[in-house]
Every structure is written in structure tokens, then in C-alpha cells.
Amino acid sequence: MRIIALIGFALVALLCGAALLYLGVADAGDGNARAVLPIVIGAVLAVGGLVFLRKGFKR
């Protein structure tokens, strides 16, 4: 049960990170300089989700 929860949280983090990354890049394409924060947070969430997803599938 613990592994399933880990994989679930990793997938949610990966999905949210990818969405934030996409929205930040789309906002930066419009010339908005404040788009750096969503890009950074999205990248961190996406990488964290991938790391935890890998940990969950290794167990």
C-alpha cells in the first residue's frame, strides 16, 4: 500500500510540474518576465516526481 501511495504522489507531482512548466513557458513566450517562477517550480516538481516515481517502481 505504501508503494502505491508513493507512486500516486509522484504521478501527481509530475503532472502538476509539467502543467506549471508548460504554462510558464507559454507565459514567457508572450514576453512576461514574471514567468520564471512557474518555470522553476514546474521543473523542480517534474524532476521530483520522476525521482519518486523511479523509487516507487524500484521497490
N, C-alpha and C. Protein backbone atom coordinates (compact mmCIF):
# COMPACT_ATOMS: atom_id res chain seq x y z
N MET A 1 0.82 -1.20 0.00
CA MET A 1 0.00 0.00 0.00
C MET A 1 0.87 1.26 0.00
N ARG A 2 2.00 1.19 0.68
CA ARG A 2 2.89 2.34 0.77
C ARG A 2 3.50 2.66 -0.58
N ILE A 3 3.81 1.64 -1.36
CA ILE A 3 4.41 1.84 -2.67
C ILE A 3 3.39 2.48 -3.61
N ILE A 4 2.14 2.06 -3.52
CA ILE A 4 1.10 2.64 -4.36
C ILE A 4 0.91 4.12 -4.04
N ALA A 5 0.95 4.47 -2.76
CA ALA A 5 0.82 5.87 -2.37
C ALA A 5 2.00 6.69 -2.89
N LEU A 6 3.19 6.12 -2.82
CA LEU A 6 4.39 6.81 -3.32
C LEU A 6 4.29 7.06 -4.81
N ILE A 7 3.84 6.05 -5.55
CA ILE A 7 3.69 6.20 -6.99
C ILE A 7 2.59 7.20 -7.32
N GLY A 8 1.50 7.19 -6.55
CA GLY A 8 0.41 8.15 -6.77
C GLY A 8 0.86 9.58 -6.55
N PHE A 9 1.57 9.82 -5.44
CA PHE A 9 2.06 11.18 -5.17
C PHE A 9 3.08 11.61 -6.21
N ALA A 10 3.90 10.69 -6.67
CA ALA A 10 4.88 11.01 -7.71
C ALA A 10 4.20 11.38 -9.02
N LEU A 11 3.14 10.66 -9.37
CA LEU A 11 2.42 10.99 -10.60
C LEU A 11 1.73 12.35 -10.51
N VAL A 12 1.17 12.67 -9.34
CA VAL A 12 0.54 13.97 -9.15
C VAL A 12 1.57 15.08 -9.25
N ALA A 13 2.72 14.90 -8.60
CA ALA A 13 3.79 15.91 -8.67
C ALA A 13 4.29 16.08 -10.09
N LEU A 14 4.42 14.98 -10.81
CA LEU A 14 4.88 15.04 -12.20
C LEU A 14 3.87 15.77 -13.07
N LEU A 15 2.60 15.48 -12.88
CA LEU A 15 1.55 16.14 -13.67
C LEU A 15 1.47 17.64 -13.37
N CYS A 16 1.51 17.99 -12.10
CA CYS A 16 1.47 19.41 -11.73
C CYS A 16 2.72 20.14 -12.21
N GLY A 17 3.87 19.50 -12.10
CA GLY A 17 5.11 20.10 -12.56
C GLY A 17 5.10 20.33 -14.06
N ALA A 18 4.60 19.36 -14.80
CA ALA A 18 4.54 19.52 -16.26
C ALA A 18 3.57 20.63 -16.64
N ALA A 19 2.44 20.73 -15.94
CA ALA A 19 1.47 21.79 -16.24
C ALA A 19 2.05 23.17 -15.93
N LEU A 20 2.72 23.30 -14.78
CA LEU A 20 3.32 24.59 -14.43
C LEU A 20 4.44 24.96 -15.40
N LEU A 21 5.22 23.97 -15.78
CA LEU A 21 6.29 24.22 -16.73
C LEU A 21 5.74 24.69 -18.07
N TYR A 22 4.69 24.04 -18.55
CA TYR A 22 4.07 24.42 -19.81
C TYR A 22 3.47 25.83 -19.73
N LEU A 23 2.75 26.12 -18.65
CA LEU A 23 2.15 27.45 -18.51
C LEU A 23 3.21 28.53 -18.37
N GLY A 24 4.30 28.23 -17.67
CA GLY A 24 5.38 29.20 -17.54
C GLY A 24 6.06 29.49 -18.87
N VAL A 25 6.28 28.45 -19.66
CA VAL A 25 6.91 28.65 -20.96
C VAL A 25 5.97 29.40 -21.90
N ALA A 26 4.68 29.09 -21.85
CA ALA A 26 3.72 29.80 -22.68
C ALA A 26 3.64 31.27 -22.28
N ASP A 27 3.72 31.54 -20.98
CA ASP A 27 3.69 32.92 -20.49
C ASP A 27 4.97 33.66 -20.87
N ALA A 28 6.09 32.97 -20.83
CA ALA A 28 7.35 33.60 -21.21
C ALA A 28 7.39 33.89 -22.70
N GLY A 29 6.70 33.10 -23.48
CA GLY A 29 6.64 33.34 -24.92
C GLY A 29 5.91 34.62 -25.27
N ASP A 30 5.02 35.05 -24.35
CA ASP A 30 4.31 36.30 -24.55
C ASP A 30 5.12 37.51 -24.10
N GLY A 31 6.31 37.28 -23.59
CA GLY A 31 7.19 38.38 -23.18
C GLY A 31 7.04 38.76 -21.72
N ASN A 32 6.44 37.90 -20.91
CA ASN A 32 6.26 38.19 -19.49
C ASN A 32 7.49 37.75 -18.72
N ALA A 33 8.13 38.67 -18.04
CA ALA A 33 9.36 38.36 -17.31
C ALA A 33 9.07 37.63 -16.00
N ARG A 34 7.83 37.69 -15.52
CA ARG A 34 7.49 37.02 -14.26
C ARG A 34 7.26 35.53 -14.44
N ALA A 35 7.47 35.01 -15.61
CA ALA A 35 7.21 33.60 -15.88
C ALA A 35 8.33 32.70 -15.37
N VAL A 36 9.37 33.26 -14.78
CA VAL A 36 10.49 32.45 -14.33
C VAL A 36 10.08 31.57 -13.15
N LEU A 37 9.29 32.09 -12.22
CA LEU A 37 8.91 31.33 -11.04
C LEU A 37 8.10 30.07 -11.38
N PRO A 38 7.06 30.15 -12.23
CA PRO A 38 6.38 28.90 -12.59
C PRO A 38 7.26 27.90 -13.34
N ILE A 39 8.20 28.41 -14.12
CA ILE A 39 9.11 27.51 -14.84
C ILE A 39 10.00 26.76 -13.84
N VAL A 40 10.54 27.47 -12.87
CA VAL A 40 11.42 26.84 -11.87
C VAL A 40 10.65 25.87 -11.00
N ILE A 41 9.49 26.27 -10.51
CA ILE A 41 8.69 25.39 -9.66
C ILE A 41 8.24 24.17 -10.46
N GLY A 42 7.83 24.38 -11.70
CA GLY A 42 7.41 23.26 -12.53
C GLY A 42 8.53 22.28 -12.80
N ALA A 43 9.71 22.80 -13.05
CA ALA A 43 10.86 21.92 -13.30
C ALA A 43 11.22 21.12 -12.06
N VAL A 44 11.19 21.76 -10.91
CA VAL A 44 11.51 21.06 -9.66
C VAL A 44 10.47 19.98 -9.37
N LEU A 45 9.19 20.30 -9.54
CA LEU A 45 8.14 19.30 -9.32
C LEU A 45 8.24 18.14 -10.30
N ALA A 46 8.52 18.45 -11.55
CA ALA A 46 8.62 17.39 -12.56
C ALA A 46 9.80 16.47 -12.27
N VAL A 47 10.95 17.04 -11.93
CA VAL A 47 12.12 16.22 -11.62
C VAL A 47 11.89 15.42 -10.34
N GLY A 48 11.30 16.06 -9.34
CA GLY A 48 10.99 15.34 -8.10
C GLY A 48 10.00 14.21 -8.33
N GLY A 49 9.01 14.46 -9.16
CA GLY A 49 8.05 13.40 -9.49
C GLY A 49 8.71 12.24 -10.19
N LEU A 50 9.62 12.53 -11.11
CA LEU A 50 10.34 11.45 -11.80
C LEU A 50 11.22 10.65 -10.85
N VAL A 51 11.88 11.35 -9.92
CA VAL A 51 12.75 10.66 -8.97
C VAL A 51 11.92 9.74 -8.06
N PHE A 52 10.81 10.26 -7.54
CA PHE A 52 9.99 9.44 -6.65
C PHE A 52 9.28 8.33 -7.41
N LEU A 53 8.94 8.56 -8.67
CA LEU A 53 8.33 7.51 -9.48
C LEU A 53 9.34 6.38 -9.71
N ARG A 54 10.57 6.74 -9.93
CA ARG A 54 11.62 5.73 -10.12
C ARG A 54 11.84 4.93 -8.83
N LYS A 55 11.81 5.64 -7.68
CA LYS A 55 11.96 4.96 -6.40
C LYS A 55 10.81 4.00 -6.15
N GLY A 56 9.60 4.44 -6.52
CA GLY A 56 8.43 3.60 -6.29
C GLY A 56 8.44 2.34 -7.14
N PHE A 57 8.90 2.45 -8.38
CA PHE A 57 8.92 1.28 -9.25
C PHE A 57 10.10 0.36 -8.96
N LYS A 58 11.14 0.88 -8.28
CA LYS A 58 12.29 0.03 -7.94
C LYS A 58 11.94 -0.94 -6.81
N ARG A 59 11.02 -0.53 -5.94
CA ARG A 59 10.70 -1.37 -4.76
C ARG A 59 9.91 -2.56 -5.12
